[in-house]
PDB file of N, CA and C in Angstrom:
ATOM      1  N   MET A   1       0.848  -1.179   0.000  1.00  0.00           N
ATOM      2  CA  MET A   1       0.000   0.000   0.000  1.00  0.00           C
ATOM      3  C   MET A   1       0.891   1.238   0.000  1.00  0.00           C
ATOM      4  N   THR A   2       0.601   2.147  -0.876  1.00  0.00           N
ATOM      5  CA  THR A   2       1.377   3.373  -0.949  1.00  0.00           C
ATOM      6  C   THR A   2       0.920   4.334   0.138  1.00  0.00           C
ATOM      7  N   MET A   3       1.765   5.291   0.422  1.00  0.00           N
ATOM      8  CA  MET A   3       1.441   6.275   1.455  1.00  0.00           C
ATOM      9  C   MET A   3       0.200   7.083   1.064  1.00  0.00           C
ATOM     10  N   GLU A   4      -0.042   7.256  -0.248  1.00  0.00           N
ATOM     11  CA  GLU A   4      -1.219   7.999  -0.702  1.00  0.00           C
ATOM     12  C   GLU A   4      -2.510   7.337  -0.231  1.00  0.00           C
ATOM     13  N   ASN A   5      -2.524   6.014  -0.175  1.00  0.00           N
ATOM     14  CA  ASN A   5      -3.717   5.282   0.246  1.00  0.00           C
ATOM     15  C   ASN A   5      -3.893   5.265   1.754  1.00  0.00           C
ATOM     16  N   LYS A   6      -2.859   5.644   2.482  1.00  0.00           N
ATOM     17  CA  LYS A   6      -2.932   5.603   3.936  1.00  0.00           C
ATOM     18  C   LYS A   6      -3.378   6.953   4.475  1.00  0.00           C
ATOM     19  N   LYS A   7      -4.614   7.276   4.170  1.00  0.00           N
ATOM     20  CA  LYS A   7      -5.229   8.501   4.669  1.00  0.00           C
ATOM     21  C   LYS A   7      -6.520   8.119   5.356  1.00  0.00           C
ATOM     22  N   TYR A   8      -6.853   8.837   6.385  1.00  0.00           N
ATOM     23  CA  TYR A   8      -8.115   8.607   7.076  1.00  0.00           C
ATOM     24  C   TYR A   8      -9.256   9.163   6.230  1.00  0.00           C
ATOM     25  N   PRO A   9     -10.465   8.671   6.476  1.00  0.00           N
ATOM     26  CA  PRO A   9     -11.609   9.275   5.786  1.00  0.00           C
ATOM     27  C   PRO A   9     -11.732  10.744   6.189  1.00  0.00           C
ATOM     28  N   SER A  10     -12.460  11.493   5.412  1.00  0.00           N
ATOM     29  CA  SER A  10     -12.660  12.901   5.751  1.00  0.00           C
ATOM     30  C   SER A  10     -13.350  13.009   7.106  1.00  0.00           C
ATOM     31  N   LEU A  11     -13.219  14.162   7.720  1.00  0.00           N
ATOM     32  CA  LEU A  11     -13.901  14.376   9.007  1.00  0.00           C
ATOM     33  C   LEU A  11     -15.403  14.221   8.852  1.00  0.00           C
ATOM     34  N   LEU A  12     -15.935  14.628   7.714  1.00  0.00           N
ATOM     35  CA  LEU A  12     -17.363  14.469   7.452  1.00  0.00           C
ATOM     36  C   LEU A  12     -17.738  12.984   7.468  1.00  0.00           C
ATOM     37  N   GLN A  13     -16.950  12.148   6.785  1.00  0.00           N
ATOM     38  CA  GLN A  13     -17.246  10.720   6.749  1.00  0.00           C
ATOM     39  C   GLN A  13     -17.081  10.100   8.136  1.00  0.00           C
ATOM     40  N   GLN A  14     -16.058  10.511   8.877  1.00  0.00           N
ATOM     41  CA  GLN A  14     -15.881  10.005  10.236  1.00  0.00           C
ATOM     42  C   GLN A  14     -17.077  10.393  11.107  1.00  0.00           C
ATOM     43  N   GLY A  15     -17.588  11.603  10.892  1.00  0.00           N
ATOM     44  CA  GLY A  15     -18.772  12.043  11.623  1.00  0.00           C
ATOM     45  C   GLY A  15     -19.987  11.197  11.284  1.00  0.00           C
ATOM     46  N   LYS A  16     -20.145  10.863  10.002  1.00  0.00           N
ATOM     47  CA  LYS A  16     -21.252  10.001   9.582  1.00  0.00           C
ATOM     48  C   LYS A  16     -21.119   8.615  10.201  1.00  0.00           C
ATOM     49  N   ASN A  17     -19.897   8.078  10.218  1.00  0.00           N
ATOM     50  CA  ASN A  17     -19.663   6.768  10.833  1.00  0.00           C
ATOM     51  C   ASN A  17     -20.038   6.792  12.315  1.00  0.00           C
ATOM     52  N   LEU A  18     -19.634   7.861  12.991  1.00  0.00           N
ATOM     53  CA  LEU A  18     -19.944   7.986  14.413  1.00  0.00           C
ATOM     54  C   LEU A  18     -21.442   8.145  14.631  1.00  0.00           C
ATOM     55  N   ALA A  19     -22.101   8.925  13.788  1.00  0.00           N
ATOM     56  CA  ALA A  19     -23.547   9.126  13.919  1.00  0.00           C
ATOM     57  C   ALA A  19     -24.302   7.810  13.730  1.00  0.00           C
ATOM     58  N   LYS A  20     -23.891   7.019  12.742  1.00  0.00           N
ATOM     59  CA  LYS A  20     -24.536   5.728  12.504  1.00  0.00           C
ATOM     60  C   LYS A  20     -24.365   4.818  13.711  1.00  0.00           C
ATOM     61  N   PHE A  21     -23.144   4.728  14.208  1.00  0.00           N
ATOM     62  CA  PHE A  21     -22.905   3.901  15.391  1.00  0.00           C
ATOM     63  C   PHE A  21     -23.719   4.414  16.577  1.00  0.00           C
ATOM     64  N   SER A  22     -23.737   5.720  16.790  1.00  0.00           N
ATOM     65  CA  SER A  22     -24.457   6.295  17.928  1.00  0.00           C
ATOM     66  C   SER A  22     -25.944   5.989  17.858  1.00  0.00           C
ATOM     67  N   LEU A  23     -26.527   6.070  16.673  1.00  0.00           N
ATOM     68  CA  LEU A  23     -27.944   5.764  16.510  1.00  0.00           C
ATOM     69  C   LEU A  23     -28.214   4.298  16.856  1.00  0.00           C
ATOM     70  N   ASN A  24     -27.403   3.393  16.323  1.00  0.00           N
ATOM     71  CA  ASN A  24     -27.559   1.968  16.646  1.00  0.00           C
ATOM     72  C   ASN A  24     -27.405   1.727  18.144  1.00  0.00           C
ATOM     73  N   PHE A  25     -26.440   2.376  18.740  1.00  0.00           N
ATOM     74  CA  PHE A  25     -26.167   2.231  20.158  1.00  0.00           C
ATOM     75  C   PHE A  25     -27.346   2.726  20.996  1.00  0.00           C
ATOM     76  N   LEU A  26     -27.857   3.904  20.686  1.00  0.00           N
ATOM     77  CA  LEU A  26     -28.980   4.462  21.443  1.00  0.00           C
ATOM     78  C   LEU A  26     -30.253   3.631  21.280  1.00  0.00           C
ATOM     79  N   GLN A  27     -30.501   3.142  20.063  1.00  0.00           N
ATOM     80  CA  GLN A  27     -31.672   2.286  19.850  1.00  0.00           C
ATOM     81  C   GLN A  27     -31.554   1.012  20.668  1.00  0.00           C
ATOM     82  N   TYR A  28     -30.383   0.434  20.696  1.00  0.00           N
ATOM     83  CA  TYR A  28     -30.161  -0.777  21.476  1.00  0.00           C
ATOM     84  C   TYR A  28     -30.383  -0.502  22.960  1.00  0.00           C
ATOM     85  N   LEU A  29     -29.805   0.574  23.478  1.00  0.00           N
ATOM     86  CA  LEU A  29     -29.977   0.924  24.893  1.00  0.00           C
ATOM     87  C   LEU A  29     -31.436   1.170  25.236  1.00  0.00           C
ATOM     88  N   GLN A  30     -32.135   1.890  24.380  1.00  0.00           N
ATOM     89  CA  GLN A  30     -33.534   2.208  24.617  1.00  0.00           C
ATOM     90  C   GLN A  30     -34.378   0.939  24.695  1.00  0.00           C
ATOM     91  N   ASN A  31     -34.095   0.001  23.843  1.00  0.00           N
ATOM     92  CA  ASN A  31     -34.894  -1.212  23.788  1.00  0.00           C
ATOM     93  C   ASN A  31     -34.509  -2.251  24.830  1.00  0.00           C
ATOM     94  N   ASN A  32     -33.361  -2.117  25.457  1.00  0.00           N
ATOM     95  CA  ASN A  32     -32.860  -3.167  26.342  1.00  0.00           C
ATOM     96  C   ASN A  32     -32.304  -2.643  27.654  1.00  0.00           C
ATOM     97  N   ASP A  33     -32.785  -1.516  28.110  1.00  0.00           N
ATOM     98  CA  ASP A  33     -32.162  -0.883  29.271  1.00  0.00           C
ATOM     99  C   ASP A  33     -32.291  -1.660  30.571  1.00  0.00           C
ATOM    100  N   ASN A  34     -33.294  -2.488  30.736  1.00  0.00           N
ATOM    101  CA  ASN A  34     -33.471  -3.201  32.001  1.00  0.00           C
ATOM    102  C   ASN A  34     -33.271  -4.701  31.884  1.00  0.00           C
ATOM    103  N   GLU A  35     -32.701  -5.159  30.804  1.00  0.00           N
ATOM    104  CA  GLU A  35     -32.523  -6.585  30.591  1.00  0.00           C
ATOM    105  C   GLU A  35     -31.181  -7.037  31.150  1.00  0.00           C
ATOM    106  N   GLU A  36     -31.204  -8.030  32.035  1.00  0.00           N
ATOM    107  CA  GLU A  36     -29.978  -8.526  32.657  1.00  0.00           C
ATOM    108  C   GLU A  36     -29.095  -9.291  31.686  1.00  0.00           C
ATOM    109  N   ASN A  37     -29.671  -9.928  30.683  1.00  0.00           N
ATOM    110  CA  ASN A  37     -28.900 -10.795  29.794  1.00  0.00           C
ATOM    111  C   ASN A  37     -28.442 -10.082  28.522  1.00  0.00           C
ATOM    112  N   LYS A  38     -28.388  -8.766  28.546  1.00  0.00           N
ATOM    113  CA  LYS A  38     -27.931  -8.000  27.395  1.00  0.00           C
ATOM    114  C   LYS A  38     -26.550  -7.445  27.714  1.00  0.00           C
ATOM    115  N   THR A  39     -25.733  -7.347  26.707  1.00  0.00           N
ATOM    116  CA  THR A  39     -24.434  -6.731  26.909  1.00  0.00           C
ATOM    117  C   THR A  39     -24.059  -5.927  25.682  1.00  0.00           C
ATOM    118  N   LEU A  40     -23.449  -4.805  25.904  1.00  0.00           N
ATOM    119  CA  LEU A  40     -22.981  -3.966  24.818  1.00  0.00           C
ATOM    120  C   LEU A  40     -21.496  -4.163  24.556  1.00  0.00           C
ATOM    121  N   ILE A  41     -20.838  -4.883  25.453  1.00  0.00           N
ATOM    122  CA  ILE A  41     -19.400  -5.066  25.370  1.00  0.00           C
ATOM    123  C   ILE A  41     -19.096  -6.479  24.895  1.00  0.00           C
ATOM    124  N   ALA A  42     -18.257  -6.590  23.888  1.00  0.00           N
ATOM    125  CA  ALA A  42     -17.849  -7.898  23.376  1.00  0.00           C
ATOM    126  C   ALA A  42     -16.993  -8.612  24.419  1.00  0.00           C
ATOM    127  N   SER A  43     -17.045  -9.928  24.405  1.00  0.00           N
ATOM    128  CA  SER A  43     -16.212 -10.705  25.329  1.00  0.00           C
ATOM    129  C   SER A  43     -14.742 -10.449  25.023  1.00  0.00           C
ATOM    130  N   ASP A  44     -13.879 -10.754  25.981  1.00  0.00           N
ATOM    131  CA  ASP A  44     -12.444 -10.571  25.775  1.00  0.00           C
ATOM    132  C   ASP A  44     -11.957 -11.391  24.585  1.00  0.00           C
ATOM    133  N   ASN A  45     -12.485 -12.591  24.433  1.00  0.00           N
ATOM    134  CA  ASN A  45     -12.086 -13.455  23.330  1.00  0.00           C
ATOM    135  C   ASN A  45     -12.425 -12.811  21.977  1.00  0.00           C
ATOM    136  N   ILE A  46     -13.636 -12.314  21.841  1.00  0.00           N
ATOM    137  CA  ILE A  46     -14.054 -11.666  20.595  1.00  0.00           C
ATOM    138  C   ILE A  46     -13.240 -10.390  20.359  1.00  0.00           C
ATOM    139  N   TYR A  47     -13.060  -9.601  21.399  1.00  0.00           N
ATOM    140  CA  TYR A  47     -12.277  -8.370  21.289  1.00  0.00           C
ATOM    141  C   TYR A  47     -10.864  -8.677  20.782  1.00  0.00           C
ATOM    142  N   ASN A  48     -10.213  -9.665  21.390  1.00  0.00           N
ATOM    143  CA  ASN A  48      -8.848 -10.014  21.002  1.00  0.00           C
ATOM    144  C   ASN A  48      -8.781 -10.501  19.554  1.00  0.00           C
ATOM    145  N   LYS A  49      -9.768 -11.286  19.126  1.00  0.00           N
ATOM    146  CA  LYS A  49      -9.804 -11.753  17.730  1.00  0.00           C
ATOM    147  C   LYS A  49      -9.960 -10.572  16.774  1.00  0.00           C
ATOM    148  N   ARG A  50     -10.816  -9.628  17.131  1.00  0.00           N
ATOM    149  CA  ARG A  50     -11.020  -8.451  16.288  1.00  0.00           C
ATOM    150  C   ARG A  50      -9.731  -7.652  16.155  1.00  0.00           C
ATOM    151  N   ILE A  51      -9.068  -7.407  17.281  1.00  0.00           N
ATOM    152  CA  ILE A  51      -7.831  -6.623  17.272  1.00  0.00           C
ATOM    153  C   ILE A  51      -6.753  -7.320  16.453  1.00  0.00           C
ATOM    154  N   GLU A  52      -6.630  -8.625  16.613  1.00  0.00           N
ATOM    155  CA  GLU A  52      -5.636  -9.368  15.832  1.00  0.00           C
ATOM    156  C   GLU A  52      -5.932  -9.281  14.339  1.00  0.00           C
ATOM    157  N   THR A  53      -7.202  -9.353  13.975  1.00  0.00           N
ATOM    158  CA  THR A  53      -7.592  -9.212  12.571  1.00  0.00           C
ATOM    159  C   THR A  53      -7.191  -7.830  12.064  1.00  0.00           C
ATOM    160  N   CYS A  54      -7.466  -6.807  12.851  1.00  0.00           N
ATOM    161  CA  CYS A  54      -7.125  -5.438  12.451  1.00  0.00           C
ATOM    162  C   CYS A  54      -5.606  -5.274  12.291  1.00  0.00           C
ATOM    163  N   LYS A  55      -4.863  -5.828  13.215  1.00  0.00           N
ATOM    164  CA  LYS A  55      -3.402  -5.692  13.154  1.00  0.00           C
ATOM    165  C   LYS A  55      -2.817  -6.349  11.911  1.00  0.00           C
ATOM    166  N   GLY A  56      -3.503  -7.325  11.351  1.00  0.00           N
ATOM    167  CA  GLY A  56      -3.031  -7.990  10.145  1.00  0.00           C
ATOM    168  C   GLY A  56      -3.503  -7.331   8.858  1.00  0.00           C
ATOM    169  N   CYS A  57      -4.218  -6.250   8.966  1.00  0.00           N
ATOM    170  CA  CYS A  57      -4.798  -5.565   7.806  1.00  0.00           C
ATOM    171  C   CYS A  57      -3.890  -4.428   7.351  1.00  0.00           C
ATOM    172  N   ASP A  58      -3.841  -4.195   6.040  1.00  0.00           N
ATOM    173  CA  ASP A  58      -3.009  -3.110   5.520  1.00  0.00           C
ATOM    174  C   ASP A  58      -3.627  -1.729   5.765  1.00  0.00           C
ATOM    175  N   ARG A  59      -4.834  -1.677   6.283  1.00  0.00           N
ATOM    176  CA  ARG A  59      -5.486  -0.398   6.613  1.00  0.00           C
ATOM    177  C   ARG A  59      -5.319  -0.039   8.097  1.00  0.00           C
ATOM    178  N   TYR A  60      -4.522  -0.831   8.810  1.00  0.00           N
ATOM    179  CA  TYR A  60      -4.288  -0.622  10.243  1.00  0.00           C
ATOM    180  C   TYR A  60      -3.132   0.350  10.468  1.00  0.00           C
ATOM    181  N   ASP A  61      -3.355   1.328  11.324  1.00  0.00           N
ATOM    182  CA  ASP A  61      -2.318   2.288  11.712  1.00  0.00           C
ATOM    183  C   ASP A  61      -1.810   1.896  13.088  1.00  0.00           C
ATOM    184  N   ASN A  62      -0.669   1.244  13.115  1.00  0.00           N
ATOM    185  CA  ASN A  62      -0.085   0.751  14.363  1.00  0.00           C
ATOM    186  C   ASN A  62       0.267   1.883  15.323  1.00  0.00           C
ATOM    187  N   SER A  63       0.691   3.017  14.800  1.00  0.00           N
ATOM    188  CA  SER A  63       1.137   4.110  15.668  1.00  0.00           C
ATOM    189  C   SER A  63      -0.018   4.709  16.483  1.00  0.00           C
ATOM    190  N   GLN A  64      -1.234   4.648  15.958  1.00  0.00           N
ATOM    191  CA  GLN A  64      -2.378   5.224  16.669  1.00  0.00           C
ATOM    192  C   GLN A  64      -3.454   4.201  17.005  1.00  0.00           C
ATOM    193  N   ASN A  65      -3.234   2.935  16.615  1.00  0.00           N
ATOM    194  CA  ASN A  65      -4.226   1.880  16.809  1.00  0.00           C
ATOM    195  C   ASN A  65      -5.571   2.310  16.214  1.00  0.00           C
ATOM    196  N   ARG A  66      -5.483   2.805  14.962  1.00  0.00           N
ATOM    197  CA  ARG A  66      -6.656   3.293  14.242  1.00  0.00           C
ATOM    198  C   ARG A  66      -6.762   2.589  12.904  1.00  0.00           C
ATOM    199  N   CYS A  67      -7.943   2.701  12.327  1.00  0.00           N
ATOM    200  CA  CYS A  67      -8.215   2.128  11.013  1.00  0.00           C
ATOM    201  C   CYS A  67      -8.213   3.247   9.976  1.00  0.00           C
ATOM    202  N   TYR A  68      -7.423   3.069   8.929  1.00  0.00           N
ATOM    203  CA  TYR A  68      -7.412   4.066   7.852  1.00  0.00           C
ATOM    204  C   TYR A  68      -8.719   4.052   7.065  1.00  0.00           C
ATOM    205  N   GLU A  69      -9.445   2.958   7.101  1.00  0.00           N
ATOM    206  CA  GLU A  69     -10.695   2.855   6.330  1.00  0.00           C
ATOM    207  C   GLU A  69     -11.815   3.673   6.967  1.00  0.00           C
ATOM    208  N   CYS A  70     -12.040   3.491   8.268  1.00  0.00           N
ATOM    209  CA  CYS A  70     -13.147   4.192   8.935  1.00  0.00           C
ATOM    210  C   CYS A  70     -12.677   5.318   9.848  1.00  0.00           C
ATOM    211  N   GLY A  71     -11.394   5.307  10.209  1.00  0.00           N
ATOM    212  CA  GLY A  71     -10.860   6.348  11.075  1.00  0.00           C
ATOM    213  C   GLY A  71     -11.053   6.086  12.553  1.00  0.00           C
ATOM    214  N   CYS A  72     -11.643   4.957  12.903  1.00  0.00           N
ATOM    215  CA  CYS A  72     -11.955   4.655  14.301  1.00  0.00           C
ATOM    216  C   CYS A  72     -10.723   4.246  15.098  1.00  0.00           C
ATOM    217  N   PHE A  73     -10.763   4.536  16.390  1.00  0.00           N
ATOM    218  CA  PHE A  73      -9.781   4.017  17.327  1.00  0.00           C
ATOM    219  C   PHE A  73     -10.227   2.601  17.665  1.00  0.00           C
ATOM    220  N   LEU A  74      -9.422   1.630  17.295  1.00  0.00           N
ATOM    221  CA  LEU A  74      -9.849   0.233  17.351  1.00  0.00           C
ATOM    222  C   LEU A  74      -9.961  -0.314  18.761  1.00  0.00           C
ATOM    223  N   SER A  75      -9.211   0.232  19.712  1.00  0.00           N
ATOM    224  CA  SER A  75      -9.334  -0.250  21.091  1.00  0.00           C
ATOM    225  C   SER A  75     -10.726   0.023  21.650  1.00  0.00           C
ATOM    226  N   VAL A  76     -11.420   1.008  21.102  1.00  0.00           N
ATOM    227  CA  VAL A  76     -12.788   1.318  21.506  1.00  0.00           C
ATOM    228  C   VAL A  76     -13.785   0.583  20.609  1.00  0.00           C
ATOM    229  N   LYS A  77     -13.613   0.721  19.309  1.00  0.00           N
ATOM    230  CA  LYS A  77     -14.565   0.141  18.361  1.00  0.00           C
ATOM    231  C   LYS A  77     -14.708  -1.368  18.546  1.00  0.00           C
ATOM    232  N   ALA A  78     -13.606  -2.067  18.710  1.00  0.00           N
ATOM    233  CA  ALA A  78     -13.636  -3.533  18.804  1.00  0.00           C
ATOM    234  C   ALA A  78     -14.303  -4.021  20.087  1.00  0.00           C
ATOM    235  N   LYS A  79     -14.476  -3.150  21.069  1.00  0.00           N
ATOM    236  CA  LYS A  79     -15.110  -3.524  22.336  1.00  0.00           C
ATOM    237  C   LYS A  79     -16.631  -3.608  22.243  1.00  0.00           C
ATOM    238  N   PHE A  80     -17.231  -2.867  21.319  1.00  0.00           N
ATOM    239  CA  PHE A  80     -18.683  -2.807  21.258  1.00  0.00           C
ATOM    240  C   PHE A  80     -19.246  -3.967  20.444  1.00  0.00           C
ATOM    241  N   VAL A  81     -20.199  -4.669  21.027  1.00  0.00           N
ATOM    242  CA  VAL A  81     -20.753  -5.871  20.422  1.00  0.00           C
ATOM    243  C   VAL A  81     -21.422  -5.603  19.071  1.00  0.00           C
ATOM    244  N   LEU A  82     -21.989  -4.436  18.876  1.00  0.00           N
ATOM    245  CA  LEU A  82     -22.722  -4.133  17.650  1.00  0.00           C
ATOM    246  C   LEU A  82     -21.847  -3.596  16.525  1.00  0.00           C
ATOM    247  N   GLU A  83     -20.570  -3.390  16.766  1.00  0.00           N
ATOM    248  CA  GLU A  83     -19.689  -2.833  15.747  1.00  0.00           C
ATOM    249  C   GLU A  83     -19.235  -3.884  14.753  1.00  0.00           C
ATOM    250  N   SER A  84     -18.774  -3.408  13.606  1.00  0.00           N
ATOM    251  CA  SER A  84     -18.233  -4.303  12.590  1.00  0.00           C
ATOM    252  C   SER A  84     -17.175  -3.567  11.778  1.00  0.00           C
ATOM    253  N   CYS A  85     -16.349  -4.329  11.105  1.00  0.00           N
ATOM    254  CA  CYS A  85     -15.294  -3.791  10.253  1.00  0.00           C
ATOM    255  C   CYS A  85     -15.913  -3.300   8.943  1.00  0.00           C
ATOM    256  N   PRO A  86     -15.542  -2.108   8.471  1.00  0.00           N
ATOM    257  CA  PRO A  86     -16.089  -1.610   7.215  1.00  0.00           C
ATOM    258  C   PRO A  86     -15.625  -2.432   5.999  1.00  0.00           C
ATOM    259  N   LEU A  87     -14.608  -3.246   6.190  1.00  0.00           N
ATOM    260  CA  LEU A  87     -14.109  -4.108   5.116  1.00  0.00           C
ATOM    261  C   LEU A  87     -14.628  -5.541   5.266  1.00  0.00           C
ATOM    262  N   ASN A  88     -15.574  -5.719   6.177  1.00  0.00           N
ATOM    263  CA  ASN A  88     -16.199  -7.029   6.441  1.00  0.00           C
ATOM    264  C   ASN A  88     -15.207  -8.098   6.894  1.00  0.00           C
ATOM    265  N   LYS A  89     -14.177  -7.676   7.609  1.00  0.00           N
ATOM    266  CA  LYS A  89     -13.202  -8.647   8.127  1.00  0.00           C
ATOM    267  C   LYS A  89     -13.651  -9.206   9.469  1.00  0.00           C
ATOM    268  N   TRP A  90     -14.529  -8.492  10.168  1.00  0.00           N
ATOM    269  CA  TRP A  90     -15.164  -8.990  11.388  1.00  0.00           C
ATOM    270  C   TRP A  90     -16.456  -8.220  11.616  1.00  0.00           C
ATOM    271  N   SER A  91     -17.358  -8.843  12.339  1.00  0.00           N
ATOM    272  CA  SER A  91     -18.626  -8.194  12.682  1.00  0.00           C
ATOM    273  C   SER A  91     -19.046  -8.682  14.058  1.00  0.00           C
ATOM    274  N   PHE A  92     -20.195  -8.231  14.504  1.00  0.00           N
ATOM    275  CA  PHE A  92     -20.647  -8.706  15.798  1.00  0.00           C
ATOM    276  C   PHE A  92     -20.904 -10.200  15.716  1.00  0.00           C
ATOM    277  N   ASP A  93     -20.765 -10.854  16.840  1.00  0.00           N
ATOM    278  CA  ASP A  93     -20.860 -12.316  16.914  1.00  0.00           C
ATOM    279  C   ASP A  93     -22.315 -12.740  16.779  1.00  0.00           C
ATOM    280  N   ASP A  94     -22.657 -13.290  15.623  1.00  0.00           N
ATOM    281  CA  ASP A  94     -24.035 -13.703  15.364  1.00  0.00           C
ATOM    282  C   ASP A  94     -24.531 -14.731  16.372  1.00  0.00           C
ATOM    283  N   LYS A  95     -23.691 -15.678  16.746  1.00  0.00           N
ATOM    284  CA  LYS A  95     -24.102 -16.725  17.684  1.00  0.00           C
ATOM    285  C   LYS A  95     -24.434 -16.121  19.052  1.00  0.00           C
ATOM    286  N   GLU A  96     -23.542 -15.268  19.539  1.00  0.00           N
ATOM    287  CA  GLU A  96     -23.764 -14.620  20.830  1.00  0.00           C
ATOM    288  C   GLU A  96     -25.010 -13.740  20.759  1.00  0.00           C
ATOM    289  N   TRP A  97     -25.154 -12.993  19.664  1.00  0.00           N
ATOM    290  CA  TRP A  97     -26.307 -12.112  19.506  1.00  0.00           C
ATOM    291  C   TRP A  97     -27.593 -12.928  19.403  1.00  0.00           C
ATOM    292  N   GLU A  98     -27.562 -14.059  18.700  1.00  0.00           N
ATOM    293  CA  GLU A  98     -28.741 -14.907  18.556  1.00  0.00           C
ATOM    294  C   GLU A  98     -29.194 -15.431  19.917  1.00  0.00           C
ATOM    295  N   GLU A  99     -28.240 -15.799  20.752  1.00  0.00           N
ATOM    296  CA  GLU A  99     -28.580 -16.273  22.089  1.00  0.00           C
ATOM    297  C   GLU A  99     -29.276 -15.167  22.894  1.00  0.00           C
ATOM    298  N   VAL A 100     -28.723 -13.967  22.841  1.00  0.00           N
ATOM    299  CA  VAL A 100     -29.343 -12.833  23.538  1.00  0.00           C
ATOM    300  C   VAL A 100     -30.735 -12.579  22.965  1.00  0.00           C
ATOM    301  N   PHE A 101     -30.852 -12.599  21.638  1.00  0.00           N
ATOM    302  CA  PHE A 101     -32.137 -12.347  20.996  1.00  0.00           C
ATOM    303  C   PHE A 101     -33.172 -13.399  21.393  1.00  0.00           C
ATOM    304  N   ASN A 102     -32.773 -14.656  21.430  1.00  0.00           N
ATOM    305  CA  ASN A 102     -33.687 -15.718  21.860  1.00  0.00           C
ATOM    306  C   ASN A 102     -34.122 -15.526  23.304  1.00  0.00           C
ATOM    307  N   ASN A 103     -33.221 -15.070  24.149  1.00  0.00           N
ATOM    308  CA  ASN A 103     -33.583 -14.764  25.536  1.00  0.00           C
ATOM    309  C   ASN A 103     -34.621 -13.645  25.587  1.00  0.00           C
ATOM    310  N   ILE A 104     -34.469 -12.661  24.724  1.00  0.00           N
ATOM    311  CA  ILE A 104     -35.440 -11.558  24.659  1.00  0.00           C
ATOM    312  C   ILE A 104     -36.810 -12.098  24.250  1.00  0.00           C
ATOM    313  N   LEU A 105     -36.841 -12.913  23.189  1.00  0.00           N
ATOM    314  CA  LEU A 105     -38.110 -13.467  22.720  1.00  0.00           C
ATOM    315  C   LEU A 105     -38.784 -14.317  23.795  1.00  0.00           C
ATOM    316  N   ASN A 106     -38.013 -15.145  24.467  1.00  0.00           N
ATOM    317  CA  ASN A 106     -38.564 -15.971  25.546  1.00  0.00           C
ATOM    318  C   ASN A 106     -39.116 -15.109  26.665  1.00  0.00           C
ATOM    319  N   ASP A 107     -38.384 -14.060  27.001  1.00  0.00           N
ATOM    320  CA  ASP A 107     -38.830 -13.147  28.045  1.00  0.00           C
ATOM    321  C   ASP A 107     -40.125 -12.451  27.637  1.00  0.00           C
ATOM    322  N   MET A 108     -40.209 -12.040  26.381  1.00  0.00           N
ATOM    323  CA  MET A 108     -41.424 -11.382  25.893  1.00  0.00           C
ATOM    324  C   MET A 108     -42.613 -12.343  25.929  1.00  0.00           C
ATOM    325  N   ASP A 109     -42.385 -13.589  25.546  1.00  0.00           N
ATOM    326  CA  ASP A 109     -43.453 -14.591  25.580  1.00  0.00           C
ATOM    327  C   ASP A 109     -43.947 -14.810  27.007  1.00  0.00           C
ATOM    328  N   GLU A 110     -43.020 -14.877  27.949  1.00  0.00           N
ATOM    329  CA  GLU A 110     -43.399 -15.074  29.352  1.00  0.00           C
ATOM    330  C   GLU A 110     -44.215 -13.895  29.876  1.00  0.00           C
ATOM    331  N   LYS A 111     -43.809 -12.687  29.499  1.00  0.00           N
ATOM    332  CA  LYS A 111     -44.551 -11.499  29.934  1.00  0.00           C
ATOM    333  C   LYS A 111     -45.929 -11.466  29.314  1.00  0.00           C
ATOM    334  N   LYS A 112     -46.061 -11.918  28.063  1.00  0.00           N
ATOM    335  CA  LYS A 112     -47.354 -11.949  27.389  1.00  0.00           C
ATOM    336  C   LYS A 112     -48.262 -12.976  28.074  1.00  0.00           C
ATOM    337  N   ASP A 113     -47.722 -14.121  28.468  1.00  0.00           N
ATOM    338  CA  ASP A 113     -48.502 -15.175  29.144  1.00  0.00           C
ATOM    339  C   ASP A 113     -48.972 -14.745  30.524  1.00  0.00           C
ATOM    340  N   ASP A 114     -48.196 -13.845  31.163  1.00  0.00           N
ATOM    341  CA  ASP A 114     -48.547 -13.358  32.504  1.00  0.00           C
ATOM    342  C   ASP A 114     -49.746 -12.416  32.491  1.00  0.00           C
ATOM    343  N   LYS A 115     -50.051 -11.860  31.334  1.00  0.00           N
ATOM    344  CA  LYS A 115     -51.138 -10.868  31.251  1.00  0.00           C
ATOM    345  C   LYS A 115     -52.477 -11.494  31.297  1.00  0.00           C
TER     346      LYS A 115
END
């Protein structure tokens, strides 16, 4: 990769990326604020796998631990369960998310039966 390609997205694009993440984050919090079996933080295992994937990518900036593609600080981005790589090298854990989602559905069914 040439140095010309190693530029961060524009501040406008970084702002859009942050706005999209913030909206997803707020919607998730709003819908799950009192649920014990919900988590916004990826497990240590998932976090470590994400970071290792990023470190092996040519869009990784080792000096700042940032991604040249999205401009994010990866030590933060990789921690959030709902985040994903803009190059589709990693995403949130579907299996873990499916388990949480099934718990939500079961909980909703139980609450409906109680009425």
